[in-house]
Amino acid sequence: MANTETDEPCNGFWADTARIRTGYLADVPRHLLVMKLSEEVGEVAEAYIGMTGGNPRKGIHATATDVLDELADVILAAAVPMVDLAGGPDEARRHLADRLGIVAARGTTATNSWHGSFIAPHVLLRHDDGKVLMLRRHNTGYRDGWLCPPAGRIEPGEDVLTAAIREAHEETSVILAHDDAVFCHVMHRTEASLPGPCHAISDYWFTFDRWQGEPRAAEPDKASEALWIDPETPPADLIPHCAQALAAIARGEAFSVHGWTADS
């Protein structure tokens, strides 16, 4: 059975921290102990500047040992209120161990880990003549000048359809009803620039034949114009994965992938 004292990286660290709290820091309010951290972090920066000569007026006036001392003080300054908040030295030690495990696991590719794709709702507003509404991206940092349908991200507490209706309203000013939504496609696509360990997004496409209001580019800082296109003969400046999705929808295909292989 492991000995928690001898296994501690710094033997007796948490017990000593608890004694410091109940000793000369006994009368210091907890909120001041937490605020003390900002002072200690500043002293780390000051020592590092002194070690590297970052201030030309002072030159090099500190050593690596000085920086290490200040870093240690940050750890100690954090440990004291941790004992308070956790409920004691043993609880603080366990919390730090749990947190270390979480942080150490970041970026790993363990076979038993779960990694998810982000979800992006897409909306096709469709006229009686079959044309669908597209927006010309502007000042977004991604495919500016290209066309795409109203689309976006899911906010906390939203399902994908609710998010689609909200995004369509924000981007085109129209009001949509849940009952008018027709699910038509999902595309699982990847690109190196996409976030997360999978670098992937699942695009959910919904078609609406009815809406309230006149569709327009309601966010001029993100879209320069709104225009209707024929989905069967899309313009060359339609974002490629959107063009692929429209073609799949026209064929009645509910699912496609993009970017995973050279021909997808």
Protein backbone atom coordinates (compact mmCIF):
# COMPACT_ATOMS: atom_id res chain seq x y z
CA MET A 1 0.00 0.00 0.00
CA ALA A 2 1.39 3.45 -0.95
CA ASN A 3 2.58 5.75 1.80
CA THR A 4 1.02 9.11 1.09
CA GLU A 5 3.72 10.95 3.02
CA THR A 6 6.76 9.42 1.32
CA ASP A 7 5.03 9.44 -2.07
CA GLU A 8 4.37 13.19 -1.79
CA PRO A 9 6.67 15.05 -4.22
CA CYS A 10 7.52 17.41 -1.37
CA ASN A 11 7.26 15.34 1.79
CA GLY A 12 4.80 16.89 4.23
CA PHE A 13 3.92 19.74 1.87
CA TRP A 14 0.21 19.83 2.57
CA ALA A 15 0.58 19.28 6.30
CA ASP A 16 3.07 22.15 6.43
CA THR A 17 0.73 24.29 4.37
CA ALA A 18 -2.08 23.63 6.85
CA ARG A 19 0.24 24.61 9.75
CA ILE A 20 1.11 27.86 7.96
CA ARG A 21 -2.59 28.59 7.58
CA THR A 22 -3.35 27.98 11.23
CA GLY A 23 -0.10 29.65 12.33
CA TYR A 24 1.06 33.09 11.24
CA LEU A 25 -1.65 33.37 8.57
CA ALA A 26 -4.48 32.41 10.92
CA ASP A 27 -6.00 35.91 11.04
CA VAL A 28 -5.71 36.64 7.31
CA PRO A 29 -9.11 36.51 5.54
CA ARG A 30 -9.37 33.94 2.75
CA HIS A 31 -10.07 36.53 0.07
CA LEU A 32 -6.79 38.28 0.88
CA LEU A 33 -4.94 34.97 0.57
CA VAL A 34 -6.41 34.51 -2.90
CA MET A 35 -5.53 38.08 -3.90
CA LYS A 36 -1.98 37.52 -2.67
CA LEU A 37 -1.48 35.29 -5.72
CA SER A 38 -1.49 38.26 -8.08
CA GLU A 39 1.34 39.87 -6.13
CA GLU A 40 3.39 36.69 -6.21
CA VAL A 41 2.88 36.25 -9.96
CA GLY A 42 4.10 39.80 -10.48
CA GLU A 43 7.25 39.03 -8.51
CA VAL A 44 7.92 36.03 -10.77
CA ALA A 45 7.74 38.29 -13.81
CA GLU A 46 10.00 40.87 -12.15
CA ALA A 47 12.59 38.21 -11.26
CA TYR A 48 12.53 36.78 -14.79
CA ILE A 49 13.02 40.23 -16.31
CA GLY A 50 15.92 40.70 -13.93
CA MET A 51 17.46 37.37 -14.93
CA THR A 52 17.19 38.08 -18.66
CA GLY A 53 18.08 41.78 -18.55
CA GLY A 54 14.71 42.75 -19.96
CA ASN A 55 14.95 46.16 -18.31
CA PRO A 56 17.95 47.92 -19.97
CA ARG A 57 18.17 50.44 -17.13
CA LYS A 58 18.70 47.75 -14.51
CA GLY A 59 20.44 45.13 -16.63
CA ILE A 60 20.83 41.60 -15.27
CA HIS A 61 20.21 41.72 -11.55
CA ALA A 62 18.59 38.37 -10.74
CA THR A 63 19.43 34.69 -11.13
CA ALA A 64 17.57 31.53 -12.07
CA THR A 65 17.44 30.72 -8.36
CA ASP A 66 15.57 33.98 -7.75
CA VAL A 67 13.00 33.02 -10.39
CA LEU A 68 12.66 29.54 -8.92
CA ASP A 69 12.14 31.03 -5.45
CA GLU A 70 9.37 33.28 -6.74
CA LEU A 71 7.73 30.40 -8.61
CA ALA A 72 7.81 28.37 -5.41
CA ASP A 73 6.18 31.27 -3.60
CA VAL A 74 3.36 31.22 -6.16
CA ILE A 75 2.80 27.52 -5.47
CA LEU A 76 2.76 28.15 -1.73
CA ALA A 77 0.49 31.17 -2.07
CA ALA A 78 -1.98 29.03 -4.01
CA ALA A 79 -1.72 26.06 -1.66
CA VAL A 80 -2.79 27.95 1.47
CA PRO A 81 -6.26 29.00 0.25
CA MET A 82 -6.60 25.60 -1.42
CA VAL A 83 -6.44 23.99 2.02
CA ASP A 84 -9.22 26.33 3.14
CA LEU A 85 -11.46 25.79 0.14
CA ALA A 86 -10.91 22.04 -0.12
CA GLY A 87 -11.62 21.44 3.55
CA GLY A 88 -8.17 20.35 4.76
CA PRO A 89 -4.71 19.24 3.63
CA ASP A 90 -5.74 15.73 2.54
CA GLU A 91 -8.62 17.07 0.47
CA ALA A 92 -6.35 19.69 -1.13
CA ARG A 93 -3.77 17.03 -1.98
CA ARG A 94 -6.43 14.85 -3.62
CA HIS A 95 -7.82 17.79 -5.56
CA LEU A 96 -4.40 18.70 -6.91
CA ALA A 97 -3.74 15.08 -7.85
CA ASP A 98 -7.06 14.88 -9.70
CA ARG A 99 -6.39 18.15 -11.48
CA LEU A 100 -2.90 17.05 -12.46
CA GLY A 101 -4.37 13.92 -14.02
CA ILE A 102 -6.85 15.97 -16.05
CA VAL A 103 -4.23 18.42 -17.30
CA ALA A 104 -1.69 15.69 -18.04
CA ALA A 105 -4.27 13.87 -20.18
CA ARG A 106 -4.76 16.85 -22.47
CA GLY A 107 -3.54 16.21 -25.98
CA THR A 108 -3.22 12.46 -25.47
CA THR A 109 -4.62 9.96 -27.94
CA ALA A 110 -5.41 7.10 -25.61
CA THR A 111 -7.46 4.39 -27.26
CA ASN A 112 -10.11 4.60 -24.56
CA SER A 113 -10.63 8.34 -24.99
CA TRP A 114 -13.68 9.85 -26.63
CA HIS A 115 -13.17 12.68 -29.09
CA GLY A 116 -16.09 14.52 -30.66
CA SER A 117 -16.71 16.64 -33.73
CA PHE A 118 -18.25 20.07 -33.47
CA ILE A 119 -21.77 20.51 -34.86
CA ALA A 120 -22.78 23.28 -37.28
CA PRO A 121 -26.42 23.84 -38.30
CA HIS A 122 -27.05 24.96 -41.92
CA VAL A 123 -30.30 26.42 -43.26
CA LEU A 124 -31.60 26.35 -46.82
CA LEU A 125 -34.39 28.87 -47.45
CA ARG A 126 -36.01 27.58 -50.64
CA HIS A 127 -38.21 29.59 -53.02
CA ASP A 128 -41.04 28.08 -55.03
CA ASP A 129 -38.73 28.12 -58.07
CA GLY A 130 -36.24 25.92 -56.21
CA LYS A 131 -33.61 28.61 -55.67
CA VAL A 132 -31.96 28.78 -52.26
CA LEU A 133 -30.58 31.72 -50.31
CA MET A 134 -26.83 32.22 -49.93
CA LEU A 135 -24.78 34.85 -48.10
CA ARG A 136 -21.48 36.28 -49.26
CA ARG A 137 -19.02 36.06 -46.39
CA HIS A 138 -17.30 39.28 -45.36
CA ASN A 139 -14.69 40.13 -42.73
CA THR A 140 -14.96 36.75 -40.96
CA GLY A 141 -11.45 35.44 -41.51
CA TYR A 142 -12.72 32.31 -43.22
CA ARG A 143 -13.56 32.13 -46.95
CA ASP A 144 -14.36 35.81 -47.16
CA GLY A 145 -15.93 36.63 -50.53
CA TRP A 146 -17.33 33.11 -50.90
CA LEU A 147 -20.98 32.08 -50.71
CA CYS A 148 -22.57 29.83 -48.10
CA PRO A 149 -26.02 29.36 -46.55
CA PRO A 150 -26.98 30.74 -43.14
CA ALA A 151 -25.05 28.59 -40.69
CA GLY A 152 -23.34 28.77 -37.35
CA ARG A 153 -22.73 27.13 -34.02
CA ILE A 154 -24.80 25.65 -31.24
CA GLU A 155 -25.07 27.75 -28.09
CA PRO A 156 -25.32 26.16 -24.61
CA GLY A 157 -28.78 24.71 -24.03
CA GLU A 158 -29.70 24.48 -27.73
CA ASP A 159 -30.48 21.49 -29.86
CA VAL A 160 -29.24 21.61 -33.45
CA LEU A 161 -32.59 22.66 -34.94
CA THR A 162 -33.10 25.46 -32.41
CA ALA A 163 -29.60 26.66 -33.21
CA ALA A 164 -30.36 26.55 -36.95
CA ILE A 165 -33.48 28.68 -36.52
CA ARG A 166 -31.65 31.19 -34.32
CA GLU A 167 -28.70 31.48 -36.72
CA ALA A 168 -31.03 31.98 -39.69
CA HIS A 169 -32.83 34.76 -37.86
CA GLU A 170 -29.59 36.47 -36.82
CA GLU A 171 -28.08 36.25 -40.31
CA THR A 172 -31.13 36.88 -42.53
CA SER A 173 -33.76 38.40 -40.17
CA VAL A 174 -36.39 35.76 -41.07
CA ILE A 175 -38.51 33.96 -38.50
CA LEU A 176 -38.73 30.19 -38.86
CA ALA A 177 -40.92 27.60 -37.18
CA HIS A 178 -39.70 24.25 -35.91
CA ASP A 179 -42.57 22.45 -37.60
CA ASP A 180 -41.54 23.80 -41.00
CA ALA A 181 -38.03 22.33 -40.82
CA VAL A 182 -37.17 19.42 -43.10
CA PHE A 183 -33.95 17.63 -42.31
CA CYS A 184 -32.17 16.98 -45.59
CA HIS A 185 -28.51 16.14 -45.00
CA VAL A 186 -25.60 15.71 -42.62
CA MET A 187 -21.99 16.07 -43.73
CA HIS A 188 -19.02 15.00 -41.65
CA ARG A 189 -16.05 17.05 -42.82
CA THR A 190 -12.47 17.60 -41.75
CA GLU A 191 -9.91 20.28 -42.36
CA ALA A 192 -6.62 20.98 -40.60
CA SER A 193 -7.80 24.43 -39.50
CA LEU A 194 -10.90 23.11 -37.71
CA PRO A 195 -10.80 23.04 -33.89
CA GLY A 196 -10.53 20.08 -31.55
CA PRO A 197 -8.49 16.86 -31.67
CA CYS A 198 -10.54 15.52 -34.60
CA HIS A 199 -10.36 18.75 -36.63
CA ALA A 200 -13.88 17.91 -37.76
CA ILE A 201 -17.40 19.31 -37.94
CA SER A 202 -20.74 17.62 -38.51
CA ASP A 203 -22.92 19.91 -40.64
CA TYR A 204 -26.68 19.43 -40.19
CA TRP A 205 -28.69 20.82 -43.12
CA PHE A 206 -32.37 21.82 -42.82
CA THR A 207 -34.65 23.09 -45.59
CA PHE A 208 -37.45 25.62 -45.04
CA ASP A 209 -40.05 26.46 -47.69
CA ARG A 210 -41.87 28.93 -45.42
CA TRP A 211 -40.70 31.84 -43.29
CA GLN A 212 -41.78 35.23 -42.02
CA GLY A 213 -39.98 38.37 -43.17
CA GLU A 214 -37.87 39.29 -46.17
CA PRO A 215 -34.49 37.52 -46.21
CA ARG A 216 -31.51 39.87 -46.28
CA ALA A 217 -27.90 40.08 -45.14
CA ALA A 218 -28.80 41.08 -41.58
CA GLU A 219 -25.21 41.10 -40.32
CA PRO A 220 -23.36 43.38 -42.75
CA ASP A 221 -20.18 43.04 -40.72
CA LYS A 222 -20.17 39.32 -41.57
CA ALA A 223 -21.97 39.11 -44.93
CA SER A 224 -21.89 41.66 -47.74
CA GLU A 225 -24.97 40.45 -49.64
CA ALA A 226 -27.73 37.86 -49.83
CA LEU A 227 -28.64 36.28 -53.16
CA TRP A 228 -30.66 33.39 -54.53
CA ILE A 229 -28.88 30.64 -56.46
CA ASP A 230 -29.92 27.56 -58.38
CA PRO A 231 -28.66 24.62 -56.28
CA GLU A 232 -28.36 22.46 -59.39
CA THR A 233 -25.97 24.91 -61.07
CA PRO A 234 -24.25 26.65 -58.16
CA PRO A 235 -21.79 29.48 -58.83
CA ALA A 236 -18.06 28.80 -58.74
CA ASP A 237 -17.61 30.90 -55.61
CA LEU A 238 -19.85 28.69 -53.47
CA ILE A 239 -17.72 27.16 -50.69
CA PRO A 240 -16.72 23.69 -51.99
CA HIS A 241 -18.13 21.61 -49.16
CA CYS A 242 -21.43 23.49 -49.47
CA ALA A 243 -21.52 22.75 -53.21
CA GLN A 244 -20.90 19.09 -52.43
CA ALA A 245 -23.70 19.08 -49.87
CA LEU A 246 -26.15 20.67 -52.32
CA ALA A 247 -25.33 18.04 -54.92
CA ALA A 248 -25.86 15.25 -52.38
CA ILE A 249 -29.18 16.78 -51.30
CA ALA A 250 -30.29 16.95 -54.94
CA ARG A 251 -29.59 13.22 -55.24
CA GLY A 252 -31.61 12.52 -52.10
CA GLU A 253 -28.56 11.43 -50.11
CA ALA A 254 -28.84 11.98 -46.38
CA PHE A 255 -25.15 11.64 -45.57
CA SER A 256 -21.76 12.57 -47.02
CA VAL A 257 -18.18 13.15 -45.92
CA HIS A 258 -15.71 15.79 -47.02
CA GLY A 259 -11.96 16.11 -46.65
CA TRP A 260 -11.18 12.72 -45.14
CA THR A 261 -9.73 11.36 -48.37
CA ALA A 262 -8.38 13.01 -51.49
CA ASP A 263 -11.59 12.33 -53.43
CA SER A 264 -14.13 13.19 -50.73
